[in-house]
Amino acid sequence: MPKTFSTRAKVVTATAAVAVIGTGVVGAVSASAESPSAAAAPATAVQAALKDKSTVTTDHLSVDAATRAAQAALDAAQKGNQHVSVAVVDRNGTTLVTLRGDGAGPQSYESAVAKAYTAVSWNAPTSELAKRLTANPELKDIPHTLFLAGGTPVDHDNAPIAAIGVAGAPSGDLDEQFARAGLAAISNGR
C-alpha cells in the first residue's frame, strides 16, 4: 500500500523544493551578471568583427535638404497656379517629407509618394520608367509603384539616395517639372 504524506509533510517538501529552485535561479542570475566589463568584452569583439566584414556605409539625404526640395517643388507648382502634393523619400523608399498644397486633390498625396518611391527604386525619372511599360506591362503590378511622370531621383556619387515625387497637376510633365525644381534647390547647379 502506498504511503500517504500529511499536509504538513507536503508543505515542508514543497517549500524545500522552491528554495532549491530559487537558489539555482539566483545563482544563474548572479553568474550572468558578474562584472559589466567581463560581459561587454566579448560583445565588443564580435561587433568589431562584424563591422569590418559585414557592414557598409551609405549616404542619405538630410531632412533639411528633403524639406528644402519639397518646398521648392511646391513653390514652383504654386507659381504655375497648380495644386499639387510633394513627397520626398529616402534611399529605402521611406517618406521623409510630404507637403500637400492648398487645393491639391485627395489622390495627389499617395500618388506623390508612389512616384517618389518608384523613382528611387529604379534610379530613373518616372517619365522614363513609364515608357518601359510597353515592353514590360507587369511592372505596374509591383506594390507601391506608380509609372506616371512626376518622380525624379536624387543621386549622390552615381547612386540614388532619395527621390522627389509630385502629383496633382493636369499632366505628368508638369509634375516632373516641379519635381526637378525641387532637385535643383539641393543640387548645387548639377
C-alpha atoms as a PDB file:
ATOM      1  CA  MET A   1       0.000   0.000   0.000  1.00  0.00           C
ATOM      2  CA  PRO A   2       1.422   3.414  -0.903  1.00  0.00           C
ATOM      3  CA  LYS A   3       2.411   5.661   1.919  1.00  0.00           C
ATOM      4  CA  THR A   4       0.435   8.920   2.199  1.00  0.00           C
ATOM      5  CA  PHE A   5       2.006  12.114   3.395  1.00  0.00           C
ATOM      6  CA  SER A   6       0.472  14.515   5.808  1.00  0.00           C
ATOM      7  CA  THR A   7      -0.380  18.037   4.734  1.00  0.00           C
ATOM      8  CA  ARG A   8       2.489  19.306   6.856  1.00  0.00           C
ATOM      9  CA  ALA A   9       4.964  16.982   5.132  1.00  0.00           C
ATOM     10  CA  LYS A  10       3.704  18.094   1.714  1.00  0.00           C
ATOM     11  CA  VAL A  11       4.125  21.785   2.642  1.00  0.00           C
ATOM     12  CA  VAL A  12       7.637  21.254   4.011  1.00  0.00           C
ATOM     13  CA  THR A  13       8.665  19.263   0.930  1.00  0.00           C
ATOM     14  CA  ALA A  14       7.227  21.862  -1.458  1.00  0.00           C
ATOM     15  CA  THR A  15       8.916  24.705   0.434  1.00  0.00           C
ATOM     16  CA  ALA A  16      12.252  22.918   0.288  1.00  0.00           C
ATOM     17  CA  ALA A  17      11.843  22.332  -3.452  1.00  0.00           C
ATOM     18  CA  VAL A  18      11.043  26.007  -4.067  1.00  0.00           C
ATOM     19  CA  ALA A  19      14.075  27.039  -2.011  1.00  0.00           C
ATOM     20  CA  VAL A  20      16.372  24.760  -4.022  1.00  0.00           C
ATOM     21  CA  ILE A  21      14.991  26.012  -7.335  1.00  0.00           C
ATOM     22  CA  GLY A  22      15.184  29.632  -6.153  1.00  0.00           C
ATOM     23  CA  THR A  23      18.820  29.182  -5.155  1.00  0.00           C
ATOM     24  CA  GLY A  24      19.616  27.807  -8.599  1.00  0.00           C
ATOM     25  CA  VAL A  25      17.886  30.734 -10.337  1.00  0.00           C
ATOM     26  CA  VAL A  26      19.623  33.314  -8.145  1.00  0.00           C
ATOM     27  CA  GLY A  27      22.937  31.610  -8.819  1.00  0.00           C
ATOM     28  CA  ALA A  28      22.315  31.663 -12.569  1.00  0.00           C
ATOM     29  CA  VAL A  29      21.326  35.321 -12.481  1.00  0.00           C
ATOM     30  CA  SER A  30      24.368  36.161 -10.391  1.00  0.00           C
ATOM     31  CA  ALA A  31      26.644  34.273 -12.736  1.00  0.00           C
ATOM     32  CA  SER A  32      25.285  36.063 -15.784  1.00  0.00           C
ATOM     33  CA  ALA A  33      25.522  39.478 -14.148  1.00  0.00           C
ATOM     34  CA  GLU A  34      29.064  39.290 -12.896  1.00  0.00           C
ATOM     35  CA  SER A  35      31.022  42.313 -13.991  1.00  0.00           C
ATOM     36  CA  PRO A  36      29.860  44.608 -16.804  1.00  0.00           C
ATOM     37  CA  SER A  37      33.326  44.707 -18.345  1.00  0.00           C
ATOM     38  CA  ALA A  38      33.608  40.928 -18.472  1.00  0.00           C
ATOM     39  CA  ALA A  39      30.295  40.628 -20.302  1.00  0.00           C
ATOM     40  CA  ALA A  40      30.972  43.598 -22.609  1.00  0.00           C
ATOM     41  CA  ALA A  41      34.391  42.463 -23.800  1.00  0.00           C
ATOM     42  CA  PRO A  42      33.206  39.527 -25.932  1.00  0.00           C
ATOM     43  CA  ALA A  43      30.325  41.596 -27.383  1.00  0.00           C
ATOM     44  CA  THR A  44      32.718  44.380 -28.416  1.00  0.00           C
ATOM     45  CA  ALA A  45      34.993  41.891 -30.138  1.00  0.00           C
ATOM     46  CA  VAL A  46      32.047  40.429 -32.045  1.00  0.00           C
ATOM     47  CA  GLN A  47      30.791  43.879 -33.048  1.00  0.00           C
ATOM     48  CA  ALA A  48      34.223  44.874 -34.347  1.00  0.00           C
ATOM     49  CA  ALA A  49      34.447  41.681 -36.398  1.00  0.00           C
ATOM     50  CA  LEU A  50      31.017  42.316 -37.891  1.00  0.00           C
ATOM     51  CA  LYS A  51      31.779  45.928 -38.711  1.00  0.00           C
ATOM     52  CA  ASP A  52      34.928  45.060 -40.600  1.00  0.00           C
ATOM     53  CA  LYS A  53      33.323  42.338 -42.703  1.00  0.00           C
ATOM     54  CA  SER A  54      29.568  42.815 -42.716  1.00  0.00           C
ATOM     55  CA  THR A  55      28.571  46.453 -42.878  1.00  0.00           C
ATOM     56  CA  VAL A  56      28.525  49.219 -45.442  1.00  0.00           C
ATOM     57  CA  THR A  57      28.298  52.964 -45.130  1.00  0.00           C
ATOM     58  CA  THR A  58      25.721  54.767 -47.237  1.00  0.00           C
ATOM     59  CA  ASP A  59      24.800  58.373 -47.901  1.00  0.00           C
ATOM     60  CA  HIS A  60      21.365  59.694 -47.019  1.00  0.00           C
ATOM     61  CA  LEU A  61      19.585  62.931 -47.813  1.00  0.00           C
ATOM     62  CA  SER A  62      19.214  65.082 -44.717  1.00  0.00           C
ATOM     63  CA  VAL A  63      15.763  66.069 -43.505  1.00  0.00           C
ATOM     64  CA  ASP A  64      16.762  69.693 -44.033  1.00  0.00           C
ATOM     65  CA  ALA A  65      17.624  69.064 -47.693  1.00  0.00           C
ATOM     66  CA  ALA A  66      14.453  66.993 -48.169  1.00  0.00           C
ATOM     67  CA  THR A  67      12.375  69.831 -46.733  1.00  0.00           C
ATOM     68  CA  ARG A  68      14.057  72.412 -48.974  1.00  0.00           C
ATOM     69  CA  ALA A  69      13.489  70.212 -52.036  1.00  0.00           C
ATOM     70  CA  ALA A  70       9.822  69.651 -51.195  1.00  0.00           C
ATOM     71  CA  GLN A  71       9.217  73.349 -50.565  1.00  0.00           C
ATOM     72  CA  ALA A  72      10.960  74.347 -53.806  1.00  0.00           C
ATOM     73  CA  ALA A  73       8.819  71.888 -55.776  1.00  0.00           C
ATOM     74  CA  LEU A  74       5.650  73.177 -54.120  1.00  0.00           C
ATOM     75  CA  ASP A  75       6.698  76.795 -54.739  1.00  0.00           C
ATOM     76  CA  ALA A  76       7.286  76.054 -58.434  1.00  0.00           C
ATOM     77  CA  ALA A  77       3.832  74.499 -58.698  1.00  0.00           C
ATOM     78  CA  GLN A  78       2.207  77.446 -56.938  1.00  0.00           C
ATOM     79  CA  LYS A  79       3.923  79.860 -59.340  1.00  0.00           C
ATOM     80  CA  GLY A  80       2.351  77.854 -62.146  1.00  0.00           C
ATOM     81  CA  ASN A  81      -1.020  78.051 -60.367  1.00  0.00           C
ATOM     82  CA  GLN A  82      -1.081  74.284 -59.853  1.00  0.00           C
ATOM     83  CA  HIS A  83      -2.402  72.475 -56.779  1.00  0.00           C
ATOM     84  CA  VAL A  84      -0.098  69.544 -56.019  1.00  0.00           C
ATOM     85  CA  SER A  85       1.291  67.339 -53.310  1.00  0.00           C
ATOM     86  CA  VAL A  86       5.019  66.721 -52.972  1.00  0.00           C
ATOM     87  CA  ALA A  87       6.805  63.793 -51.333  1.00  0.00           C
ATOM     88  CA  VAL A  88      10.484  63.141 -50.717  1.00  0.00           C
ATOM     89  CA  VAL A  89      11.557  59.598 -49.860  1.00  0.00           C
ATOM     90  CA  ASP A  90      14.932  58.266 -48.731  1.00  0.00           C
ATOM     91  CA  ARG A  91      17.021  55.613 -50.483  1.00  0.00           C
ATOM     92  CA  ASN A  92      14.842  52.885 -48.946  1.00  0.00           C
ATOM     93  CA  GLY A  93      11.608  54.460 -50.149  1.00  0.00           C
ATOM     94  CA  THR A  94      10.649  55.664 -46.679  1.00  0.00           C
ATOM     95  CA  THR A  95       8.879  59.006 -46.686  1.00  0.00           C
ATOM     96  CA  LEU A  96      10.958  61.848 -45.262  1.00  0.00           C
ATOM     97  CA  VAL A  97       8.765  64.863 -46.077  1.00  0.00           C
ATOM     98  CA  THR A  98       5.356  65.444 -47.615  1.00  0.00           C
ATOM     99  CA  LEU A  99       3.664  68.729 -48.407  1.00  0.00           C
ATOM    100  CA  ARG A 100       0.085  68.913 -49.612  1.00  0.00           C
ATOM    101  CA  GLY A 101      -0.538  72.207 -51.316  1.00  0.00           C
ATOM    102  CA  ASP A 102      -3.738  74.158 -50.823  1.00  0.00           C
ATOM    103  CA  GLY A 103      -6.413  72.766 -53.100  1.00  0.00           C
ATOM    104  CA  ALA A 104      -4.492  69.587 -54.010  1.00  0.00           C
ATOM    105  CA  GLY A 105      -6.754  66.671 -54.831  1.00  0.00           C
ATOM    106  CA  PRO A 106      -7.128  63.799 -52.367  1.00  0.00           C
ATOM    107  CA  GLN A 107      -5.377  61.343 -54.713  1.00  0.00           C
ATOM    108  CA  SER A 108      -2.307  63.545 -55.088  1.00  0.00           C
ATOM    109  CA  TYR A 109      -0.761  62.738 -51.705  1.00  0.00           C
ATOM    110  CA  GLU A 110      -0.460  58.974 -52.222  1.00  0.00           C
ATOM    111  CA  SER A 111       0.431  59.456 -55.882  1.00  0.00           C
ATOM    112  CA  ALA A 112       3.341  61.762 -54.985  1.00  0.00           C
ATOM    113  CA  VAL A 113       4.692  59.204 -52.508  1.00  0.00           C
ATOM    114  CA  ALA A 114       4.327  56.382 -55.057  1.00  0.00           C
ATOM    115  CA  LYS A 115       6.086  58.396 -57.784  1.00  0.00           C
ATOM    116  CA  ALA A 116       8.993  59.183 -55.461  1.00  0.00           C
ATOM    117  CA  TYR A 117       9.196  55.529 -54.367  1.00  0.00           C
ATOM    118  CA  THR A 118       9.224  54.387 -57.989  1.00  0.00           C
ATOM    119  CA  ALA A 119      11.931  56.887 -58.988  1.00  0.00           C
ATOM    120  CA  VAL A 120      14.286  55.879 -56.165  1.00  0.00           C
ATOM    121  CA  SER A 121      13.634  52.167 -56.700  1.00  0.00           C
ATOM    122  CA  TRP A 122      14.836  52.303 -60.312  1.00  0.00           C
ATOM    123  CA  ASN A 123      17.045  55.404 -60.072  1.00  0.00           C
ATOM    124  CA  ALA A 124      15.285  56.957 -63.043  1.00  0.00           C
ATOM    125  CA  PRO A 125      12.664  59.636 -63.667  1.00  0.00           C
ATOM    126  CA  THR A 126       9.199  58.108 -63.707  1.00  0.00           C
ATOM    127  CA  SER A 127       8.557  59.569 -67.163  1.00  0.00           C
ATOM    128  CA  GLU A 128      11.334  57.281 -68.465  1.00  0.00           C
ATOM    129  CA  LEU A 129      10.036  54.343 -66.477  1.00  0.00           C
ATOM    130  CA  ALA A 130       6.526  54.816 -67.892  1.00  0.00           C
ATOM    131  CA  LYS A 131       7.969  54.125 -71.344  1.00  0.00           C
ATOM    132  CA  ARG A 132       9.176  50.718 -70.131  1.00  0.00           C
ATOM    133  CA  LEU A 133       5.597  49.576 -69.516  1.00  0.00           C
ATOM    134  CA  THR A 134       5.141  48.937 -73.236  1.00  0.00           C
ATOM    135  CA  ALA A 135       7.742  46.169 -73.162  1.00  0.00           C
ATOM    136  CA  ASN A 136       7.062  45.078 -69.560  1.00  0.00           C
ATOM    137  CA  PRO A 137       3.429  45.770 -68.587  1.00  0.00           C
ATOM    138  CA  GLU A 138       3.789  43.622 -65.449  1.00  0.00           C
ATOM    139  CA  LEU A 139       5.930  46.375 -63.879  1.00  0.00           C
ATOM    140  CA  LYS A 140       2.742  48.231 -62.972  1.00  0.00           C
ATOM    141  CA  ASP A 141       1.844  45.359 -60.634  1.00  0.00           C
ATOM    142  CA  ILE A 142       4.801  45.970 -58.306  1.00  0.00           C
ATOM    143  CA  PRO A 143       3.404  47.204 -54.971  1.00  0.00           C
ATOM    144  CA  HIS A 144       3.628  50.919 -54.100  1.00  0.00           C
ATOM    145  CA  THR A 145       4.842  51.962 -57.563  1.00  0.00           C
ATOM    146  CA  LEU A 146       3.285  54.415 -59.993  1.00  0.00           C
ATOM    147  CA  PHE A 147       4.615  54.666 -63.529  1.00  0.00           C
ATOM    148  CA  LEU A 148       3.444  58.171 -64.336  1.00  0.00           C
ATOM    149  CA  ALA A 149       5.652  61.205 -64.920  1.00  0.00           C
ATOM    150  CA  GLY A 150       6.327  63.286 -61.814  1.00  0.00           C
ATOM    151  CA  GLY A 151       9.073  61.455 -59.915  1.00  0.00           C
ATOM    152  CA  THR A 152      12.784  62.192 -60.103  1.00  0.00           C
ATOM    153  CA  PRO A 153      15.663  60.514 -58.264  1.00  0.00           C
ATOM    154  CA  VAL A 154      18.251  62.346 -56.169  1.00  0.00           C
ATOM    155  CA  ASP A 155      21.722  60.923 -56.859  1.00  0.00           C
ATOM    156  CA  HIS A 156      24.986  61.226 -54.977  1.00  0.00           C
ATOM    157  CA  ASP A 157      28.156  59.609 -56.333  1.00  0.00           C
ATOM    158  CA  ASN A 158      26.123  57.891 -59.067  1.00  0.00           C
ATOM    159  CA  ALA A 159      23.790  56.185 -56.593  1.00  0.00           C
ATOM    160  CA  PRO A 160      20.213  57.039 -55.633  1.00  0.00           C
ATOM    161  CA  ILE A 161      19.922  58.458 -52.118  1.00  0.00           C
ATOM    162  CA  ALA A 162      16.364  59.838 -52.342  1.00  0.00           C
ATOM    163  CA  ALA A 163      13.638  60.858 -54.770  1.00  0.00           C
ATOM    164  CA  ILE A 164      11.077  63.618 -55.173  1.00  0.00           C
ATOM    165  CA  GLY A 165       7.544  62.905 -56.328  1.00  0.00           C
ATOM    166  CA  VAL A 166       4.919  65.454 -57.364  1.00  0.00           C
ATOM    167  CA  ALA A 167       1.292  64.737 -58.217  1.00  0.00           C
ATOM    168  CA  GLY A 168      -1.821  66.763 -58.900  1.00  0.00           C
ATOM    169  CA  ALA A 169      -1.041  68.938 -61.920  1.00  0.00           C
ATOM    170  CA  PRO A 170      -3.097  68.270 -65.067  1.00  0.00           C
ATOM    171  CA  SER A 171      -0.136  66.486 -66.695  1.00  0.00           C
ATOM    172  CA  GLY A 172       2.740  64.341 -65.540  1.00  0.00           C
ATOM    173  CA  ASP A 173       5.105  66.573 -67.482  1.00  0.00           C
ATOM    174  CA  LEU A 174       4.200  69.484 -65.206  1.00  0.00           C
ATOM    175  CA  ASP A 175       4.531  67.273 -62.121  1.00  0.00           C
ATOM    176  CA  GLU A 176       8.002  66.240 -63.223  1.00  0.00           C
ATOM    177  CA  GLN A 177       8.977  69.823 -63.992  1.00  0.00           C
ATOM    178  CA  PHE A 178       8.085  70.734 -60.400  1.00  0.00           C
ATOM    179  CA  ALA A 179       9.993  67.710 -59.045  1.00  0.00           C
ATOM    180  CA  ARG A 180      13.073  68.843 -60.997  1.00  0.00           C
ATOM    181  CA  ALA A 181      12.685  72.313 -59.427  1.00  0.00           C
ATOM    182  CA  GLY A 182      12.917  70.587 -56.044  1.00  0.00           C
ATOM    183  CA  LEU A 183      16.030  68.744 -57.167  1.00  0.00           C
ATOM    184  CA  ALA A 184      17.609  71.974 -58.423  1.00  0.00           C
ATOM    185  CA  ALA A 185      17.150  73.548 -54.999  1.00  0.00           C
ATOM    186  CA  ILE A 186      19.504  70.998 -53.438  1.00  0.00           C
ATOM    187  CA  SER A 187      21.794  70.015 -56.306  1.00  0.00           C
ATOM    188  CA  ASN A 188      24.242  72.956 -56.451  1.00  0.00           C
ATOM    189  CA  GLY A 189      23.611  73.514 -60.142  1.00  0.00           C
ATOM    190  CA  ARG A 190      24.033  69.882 -61.194  1.00  0.00           C
END
